[in-house]
C-alpha atoms as a PDB file:
ATOM      1  CA  MET A   1     103.627 273.305 101.725  1.00  0.00           C
ATOM      2  CA  SER A   2     101.090 274.963  99.453  1.00  0.00           C
ATOM      3  CA  ASP A   3      97.911 273.447  98.069  1.00  0.00           C
ATOM      4  CA  ARG A   4      99.510 273.290  94.636  1.00  0.00           C
ATOM      5  CA  ASP A   5     102.449 271.222  95.960  1.00  0.00           C
ATOM      6  CA  GLU A   6     100.069 268.797  97.681  1.00  0.00           C
ATOM      7  CA  TYR A   7      98.049 268.439  94.466  1.00  0.00           C
ATOM      8  CA  ASP A   8     101.171 267.752  92.381  1.00  0.00           C
ATOM      9  CA  SER A   9     102.545 265.192  94.841  1.00  0.00           C
ATOM     10  CA  ALA A  10      99.252 263.296  95.310  1.00  0.00           C
ATOM     11  CA  PRO A  11      99.089 260.013  93.408  1.00  0.00           C
ATOM     12  CA  ARG A  12      97.053 260.221  90.269  1.00  0.00           C
ATOM     13  CA  PRO A  13      94.238 257.757  89.623  1.00  0.00           C
ATOM     14  CA  ARG A  14      94.901 255.113  86.992  1.00  0.00           C
ATOM     15  CA  PRO A  15      94.073 256.598  83.581  1.00  0.00           C
ATOM     16  CA  GLN A  16      91.187 254.864  81.844  1.00  0.00           C
ATOM     17  CA  TYR A  17      91.273 256.449  78.403  1.00  0.00           C
ATOM     18  CA  GLY A  18      94.876 257.541  77.937  1.00  0.00           C
ATOM     19  CA  GLU A  19      94.287 261.057  79.195  1.00  0.00           C
ATOM     20  CA  TYR A  20      97.723 261.236  80.898  1.00  0.00           C
ATOM     21  CA  ALA A  21      99.598 259.633  78.019  1.00  0.00           C
ATOM     22  CA  THR A  22     101.821 261.596  75.689  1.00  0.00           C
ATOM     23  CA  PRO A  23     100.999 261.495  71.969  1.00  0.00           C
ATOM     24  CA  GLU A  24     103.903 259.044  71.464  1.00  0.00           C
ATOM     25  CA  GLU A  25     102.541 256.732  74.193  1.00  0.00           C
ATOM     26  CA  GLN A  26      99.076 256.932  72.652  1.00  0.00           C
ATOM     27  CA  ARG A  27     100.407 256.020  69.199  1.00  0.00           C
ATOM     28  CA  ALA A  28     102.360 253.122  70.686  1.00  0.00           C
ATOM     29  CA  ARG A  29      99.284 251.888  72.549  1.00  0.00           C
ATOM     30  CA  ILE A  30      97.137 252.184  69.426  1.00  0.00           C
ATOM     31  CA  ALA A  31      99.737 250.282  67.426  1.00  0.00           C
ATOM     32  CA  GLY A  32      99.717 247.594  70.124  1.00  0.00           C
ATOM     33  CA  THR A  33     103.452 247.761  70.869  1.00  0.00           C
ATOM     34  CA  THR A  34     103.220 248.314  74.631  1.00  0.00           C
ATOM     35  CA  GLY A  35     102.373 244.691  75.396  1.00  0.00           C
ATOM     36  CA  GLU A  36     100.251 245.676  78.405  1.00  0.00           C
ATOM     37  CA  ALA A  37      97.209 243.579  79.165  1.00  0.00           C
ATOM     38  CA  PRO A  38      93.952 245.480  79.641  1.00  0.00           C
ATOM     39  CA  HIS A  39      92.893 246.216  83.187  1.00  0.00           C
ATOM     40  CA  PRO A  40      90.798 243.270  84.486  1.00  0.00           C
ATOM     41  CA  ASP A  41      88.065 245.555  85.874  1.00  0.00           C
ATOM     42  CA  VAL A  42      87.407 247.166  82.498  1.00  0.00           C
ATOM     43  CA  ALA A  43      85.174 245.153  80.181  1.00  0.00           C
ATOM     44  CA  PRO A  44      85.808 245.521  76.477  1.00  0.00           C
ATOM     45  CA  THR A  45      82.935 247.322  74.783  1.00  0.00           C
ATOM     46  CA  ALA A  46      83.633 247.652  71.080  1.00  0.00           C
ATOM     47  CA  VAL A  47      86.479 247.355  68.642  1.00  0.00           C
ATOM     48  CA  VAL A  48      87.623 250.784  67.521  1.00  0.00           C
ATOM     49  CA  GLU A  49      89.812 251.569  64.540  1.00  0.00           C
ATOM     50  CA  VAL A  50      91.781 254.766  64.345  1.00  0.00           C
ATOM     51  CA  ASP A  51      91.015 257.018  61.423  1.00  0.00           C
ATOM     52  CA  ALA A  52      93.929 258.623  59.593  1.00  0.00           C
ATOM     53  CA  ARG A  53      92.399 262.056  60.189  1.00  0.00           C
ATOM     54  CA  THR A  54      93.143 263.837  63.433  1.00  0.00           C
ATOM     55  CA  ASP A  55      90.972 265.933  65.684  1.00  0.00           C
ATOM     56  CA  ALA A  56      91.742 269.612  65.007  1.00  0.00           C
ATOM     57  CA  SER A  57      91.491 270.639  68.653  1.00  0.00           C
ATOM     58  CA  SER A  58      93.732 267.984  70.186  1.00  0.00           C
ATOM     59  CA  GLY A  59      95.812 266.717  67.269  1.00  0.00           C
ATOM     60  CA  LEU A  60      95.000 263.133  68.310  1.00  0.00           C
ATOM     61  CA  PRO A  61      93.731 260.391  66.005  1.00  0.00           C
ATOM     62  CA  THR A  62      89.957 260.197  65.739  1.00  0.00           C
ATOM     63  CA  PRO A  63      88.467 256.836  66.820  1.00  0.00           C
ATOM     64  CA  ARG A  64      85.916 255.305  64.485  1.00  0.00           C
ATOM     65  CA  PRO A  65      83.689 252.379  65.596  1.00  0.00           C
ATOM     66  CA  THR A  66      83.672 249.403  63.243  1.00  0.00           C
ATOM     67  CA  THR A  67      81.616 246.762  65.003  1.00  0.00           C
ATOM     68  CA  ALA A  68      78.204 245.698  63.772  1.00  0.00           C
ATOM     69  CA  ALA A  69      76.652 246.997  66.997  1.00  0.00           C
ATOM     70  CA  ALA A  70      77.840 250.502  66.200  1.00  0.00           C
ATOM     71  CA  ARG A  71      76.322 250.547  62.701  1.00  0.00           C
ATOM     72  CA  PRO A  72      72.838 251.968  62.143  1.00  0.00           C
ATOM     73  CA  THR A  73      69.887 249.611  61.734  1.00  0.00           C
ATOM     74  CA  ARG A  74      68.722 251.133  58.419  1.00  0.00           C
ATOM     75  CA  THR A  75      65.065 250.217  58.717  1.00  0.00           C
ATOM     76  CA  ALA A  76      64.125 251.623  55.288  1.00  0.00           C
ATOM     77  CA  ASP A  77      66.899 249.617  53.656  1.00  0.00           C
ATOM     78  CA  ARG A  78      65.644 246.417  55.303  1.00  0.00           C
ATOM     79  CA  ILE A  79      62.056 247.047  54.173  1.00  0.00           C
ATOM     80  CA  ILE A  80      63.059 247.830  50.578  1.00  0.00           C
ATOM     81  CA  THR A  81      65.443 244.862  50.431  1.00  0.00           C
ATOM     82  CA  ILE A  82      62.872 242.387  51.758  1.00  0.00           C
ATOM     83  CA  ALA A  83      60.223 243.791  49.391  1.00  0.00           C
ATOM     84  CA  LEU A  84      62.574 243.328  46.412  1.00  0.00           C
ATOM     85  CA  LEU A  85      63.358 239.762  47.475  1.00  0.00           C
ATOM     86  CA  ALA A  86      59.638 238.988  47.875  1.00  0.00           C
ATOM     87  CA  TYR A  87      58.885 240.439  44.432  1.00  0.00           C
ATOM     88  CA  GLY A  88      61.712 238.363  42.967  1.00  0.00           C
ATOM     89  CA  LEU A  89      60.376 235.210  44.620  1.00  0.00           C
ATOM     90  CA  VAL A  90      56.890 235.780  43.189  1.00  0.00           C
ATOM     91  CA  THR A  91      58.430 236.377  39.748  1.00  0.00           C
ATOM     92  CA  VAL A  92      60.535 233.216  39.910  1.00  0.00           C
ATOM     93  CA  ILE A  93      57.631 231.078  41.134  1.00  0.00           C
ATOM     94  CA  GLY A  94      55.468 232.409  38.299  1.00  0.00           C
ATOM     95  CA  ALA A  95      58.169 231.950  35.652  1.00  0.00           C
ATOM     96  CA  ILE A  96      59.205 228.370  36.443  1.00  0.00           C
ATOM     97  CA  PRO A  97      56.041 226.661  35.104  1.00  0.00           C
ATOM     98  CA  GLN A  98      56.161 228.792  31.959  1.00  0.00           C
ATOM     99  CA  LEU A  99      59.810 227.977  31.311  1.00  0.00           C
ATOM    100  CA  VAL A 100      59.284 224.250  31.841  1.00  0.00           C
ATOM    101  CA  ASP A 101      56.525 224.409  29.186  1.00  0.00           C
ATOM    102  CA  PHE A 102      58.927 225.898  26.653  1.00  0.00           C
ATOM    103  CA  VAL A 103      56.651 225.410  23.621  1.00  0.00           C
ATOM    104  CA  GLY A 104      53.756 227.255  25.289  1.00  0.00           C
ATOM    105  CA  PHE A 105      56.156 229.952  26.448  1.00  0.00           C
ATOM    106  CA  THR A 106      57.597 230.550  22.968  1.00  0.00           C
ATOM    107  CA  ASP A 107      54.142 230.465  21.328  1.00  0.00           C
ATOM    108  CA  THR A 108      52.907 233.154  23.725  1.00  0.00           C
ATOM    109  CA  TRP A 109      56.067 235.197  23.290  1.00  0.00           C
ATOM    110  CA  MET A 110      55.928 234.972  19.459  1.00  0.00           C
ATOM    111  CA  ARG A 111      52.262 236.017  19.392  1.00  0.00           C
ATOM    112  CA  THR A 112      53.047 238.976  21.673  1.00  0.00           C
ATOM    113  CA  ALA A 113      56.031 239.995  19.499  1.00  0.00           C
ATOM    114  CA  GLY A 114      53.953 239.642  16.301  1.00  0.00           C
ATOM    115  CA  ILE A 115      56.049 236.798  14.866  1.00  0.00           C
ATOM    116  CA  ASP A 116      54.095 234.239  12.833  1.00  0.00           C
ATOM    117  CA  ALA A 117      56.216 231.130  13.311  1.00  0.00           C
ATOM    118  CA  THR A 118      56.263 227.702  14.919  1.00  0.00           C
ATOM    119  CA  LEU A 119      59.189 225.811  16.324  1.00  0.00           C
ATOM    120  CA  SER A 120      60.474 223.092  14.004  1.00  0.00           C
ATOM    121  CA  ASP A 121      61.929 221.052  16.917  1.00  0.00           C
ATOM    122  CA  PRO A 122      59.947 221.813  20.090  1.00  0.00           C
ATOM    123  CA  ALA A 123      61.555 218.958  22.082  1.00  0.00           C
ATOM    124  CA  ALA A 124      65.015 220.507  21.742  1.00  0.00           C
ATOM    125  CA  GLY A 125      63.843 223.704  23.410  1.00  0.00           C
ATOM    126  CA  ARG A 126      62.381 221.907  26.442  1.00  0.00           C
ATOM    127  CA  ALA A 127      65.836 221.167  27.909  1.00  0.00           C
ATOM    128  CA  TRP A 128      66.786 224.836  27.520  1.00  0.00           C
ATOM    129  CA  GLY A 129      63.577 225.889  29.273  1.00  0.00           C
ATOM    130  CA  ILE A 130      64.255 223.537  32.195  1.00  0.00           C
ATOM    131  CA  ALA A 131      67.832 224.830  32.427  1.00  0.00           C
ATOM    132  CA  ALA A 132      66.510 228.416  32.479  1.00  0.00           C
ATOM    133  CA  ALA A 133      64.050 227.519  35.271  1.00  0.00           C
ATOM    134  CA  ILE A 134      66.881 225.973  37.308  1.00  0.00           C
ATOM    135  CA  VAL A 135      69.098 229.034  36.778  1.00  0.00           C
ATOM    136  CA  TYR A 136      66.212 231.292  37.814  1.00  0.00           C
ATOM    137  CA  SER A 137      65.790 229.314  41.065  1.00  0.00           C
ATOM    138  CA  ILE A 138      69.502 229.173  41.875  1.00  0.00           C
ATOM    139  CA  GLY A 139      69.904 232.853  41.048  1.00  0.00           C
ATOM    140  CA  TRP A 140      67.163 233.824  43.476  1.00  0.00           C
ATOM    141  CA  LEU A 141      68.513 231.532  46.218  1.00  0.00           C
ATOM    142  CA  LEU A 142      72.043 232.886  45.831  1.00  0.00           C
ATOM    143  CA  THR A 143      70.730 236.448  45.888  1.00  0.00           C
ATOM    144  CA  ALA A 144      68.686 235.716  49.019  1.00  0.00           C
ATOM    145  CA  VAL A 145      71.703 234.219  50.825  1.00  0.00           C
ATOM    146  CA  LEU A 146      73.957 237.161  49.942  1.00  0.00           C
ATOM    147  CA  THR A 147      71.237 239.606  50.970  1.00  0.00           C
ATOM    148  CA  TRP A 148      70.662 237.843  54.302  1.00  0.00           C
ATOM    149  CA  TRP A 149      74.405 237.905  54.993  1.00  0.00           C
ATOM    150  CA  SER A 150      74.584 241.615  54.189  1.00  0.00           C
ATOM    151  CA  LEU A 151      71.493 242.457  56.265  1.00  0.00           C
ATOM    152  CA  SER A 152      72.815 240.509  59.263  1.00  0.00           C
ATOM    153  CA  ALA A 153      76.047 242.529  59.035  1.00  0.00           C
ATOM    154  CA  ARG A 154      73.885 245.696  58.992  1.00  0.00           C
ATOM    155  CA  ARG A 155      75.231 246.824  55.658  1.00  0.00           C
ATOM    156  CA  LEU A 156      73.366 248.679  52.941  1.00  0.00           C
ATOM    157  CA  SER A 157      71.675 245.829  51.040  1.00  0.00           C
ATOM    158  CA  TRP A 158      68.925 247.136  48.735  1.00  0.00           C
ATOM    159  CA  TRP A 159      71.190 246.873  45.679  1.00  0.00           C
ATOM    160  CA  ILE A 160      71.900 243.136  46.064  1.00  0.00           C
ATOM    161  CA  PRO A 161      68.433 241.923  44.922  1.00  0.00           C
ATOM    162  CA  LEU A 162      68.587 244.337  41.961  1.00  0.00           C
ATOM    163  CA  VAL A 163      72.017 243.166  40.822  1.00  0.00           C
ATOM    164  CA  GLY A 164      71.043 239.532  41.439  1.00  0.00           C
ATOM    165  CA  ALA A 165      67.900 239.959  39.317  1.00  0.00           C
ATOM    166  CA  ILE A 166      69.794 241.613  36.471  1.00  0.00           C
ATOM    167  CA  VAL A 167      72.550 238.967  36.375  1.00  0.00           C
ATOM    168  CA  THR A 168      70.063 236.098  36.633  1.00  0.00           C
ATOM    169  CA  PHE A 169      67.817 237.589  33.952  1.00  0.00           C
ATOM    170  CA  LEU A 170      70.747 238.016  31.549  1.00  0.00           C
ATOM    171  CA  ILE A 171      71.791 234.377  31.978  1.00  0.00           C
ATOM    172  CA  VAL A 172      68.203 233.136  31.613  1.00  0.00           C
ATOM    173  CA  GLY A 173      67.763 235.342  28.544  1.00  0.00           C
ATOM    174  CA  MET A 174      70.808 233.769  26.919  1.00  0.00           C
ATOM    175  CA  LEU A 175      69.534 230.273  27.724  1.00  0.00           C
ATOM    176  CA  LEU A 176      66.189 231.085  26.097  1.00  0.00           C
ATOM    177  CA  THR A 177      67.746 232.740  23.055  1.00  0.00           C
ATOM    178  CA  VAL A 178      69.924 229.775  22.054  1.00  0.00           C
ATOM    179  CA  PRO A 179      67.071 227.375  21.127  1.00  0.00           C
ATOM    180  CA  LEU A 180      65.198 230.115  19.269  1.00  0.00           C
ATOM    181  CA  VAL A 181      68.160 231.260  17.196  1.00  0.00           C
ATOM    182  CA  THR A 182      69.100 227.674  16.288  1.00  0.00           C
ATOM    183  CA  ASP A 183      65.532 226.719  15.307  1.00  0.00           C
ATOM    184  CA  SER A 184      64.963 227.034  11.553  1.00  0.00           C
ATOM    185  CA  GLY A 185      61.158 227.444  11.868  1.00  0.00           C
ATOM    186  CA  PHE A 186      61.506 230.358  14.247  1.00  0.00           C
ATOM    187  CA  MET A 187      64.194 232.061  12.157  1.00  0.00           C
ATOM    188  CA  GLU A 188      62.100 231.801   8.967  1.00  0.00           C
ATOM    189  CA  GLY A 189      59.036 233.258  10.739  1.00  0.00           C
ATOM    190  CA  PHE A 190      61.165 235.963  12.318  1.00  0.00           C
ATOM    191  CA  MET A 191      62.671 237.027   8.978  1.00  0.00           C
ATOM    192  CA  THR A 192      59.299 237.080   7.175  1.00  0.00           C
ATOM    193  CA  SER A 193      57.601 239.091   9.933  1.00  0.00           C
ATOM    194  CA  ARG A 194      60.160 241.901   9.675  1.00  0.00           C
END
């Protein structure tokens, strides 16, 4: 018997990564149709999806890791995201007292805009200012929760505080516009200052 015959007749070691499997057996295993349980000595490491593209050299599907452990840490993204959240928190904390004092807020805003007017019903605007302060707070909290969830999943997160700020600011802007547009004193001053 030759060395080649002895090599061919020797029992092969148990394959660990499908290296002895045919492409059909590999596809069946990937699809989960074989029904075999994993070997008890092999600990699972990470969940791997199969990409639709194939490796040019072997013609086999290319594995692509999808677990959070396989994703990059993105340190710069974390720093930028936390800085944006901190800036938003400072802005919200500074805006809440101004919005609660709606009359003082509108007087300052009208002087800055060059509008010579006074509110005819200042008490009506106070409720709108309080509602705007509440929306500002809830908007920041919701943005912070979504950002924390995204950061813990190691996803790109810098855009969440920006979008949260824009959406919250638009809603707050609408809440502050309603009492001004419906106030006759403000509208008269606004029209005469133009």
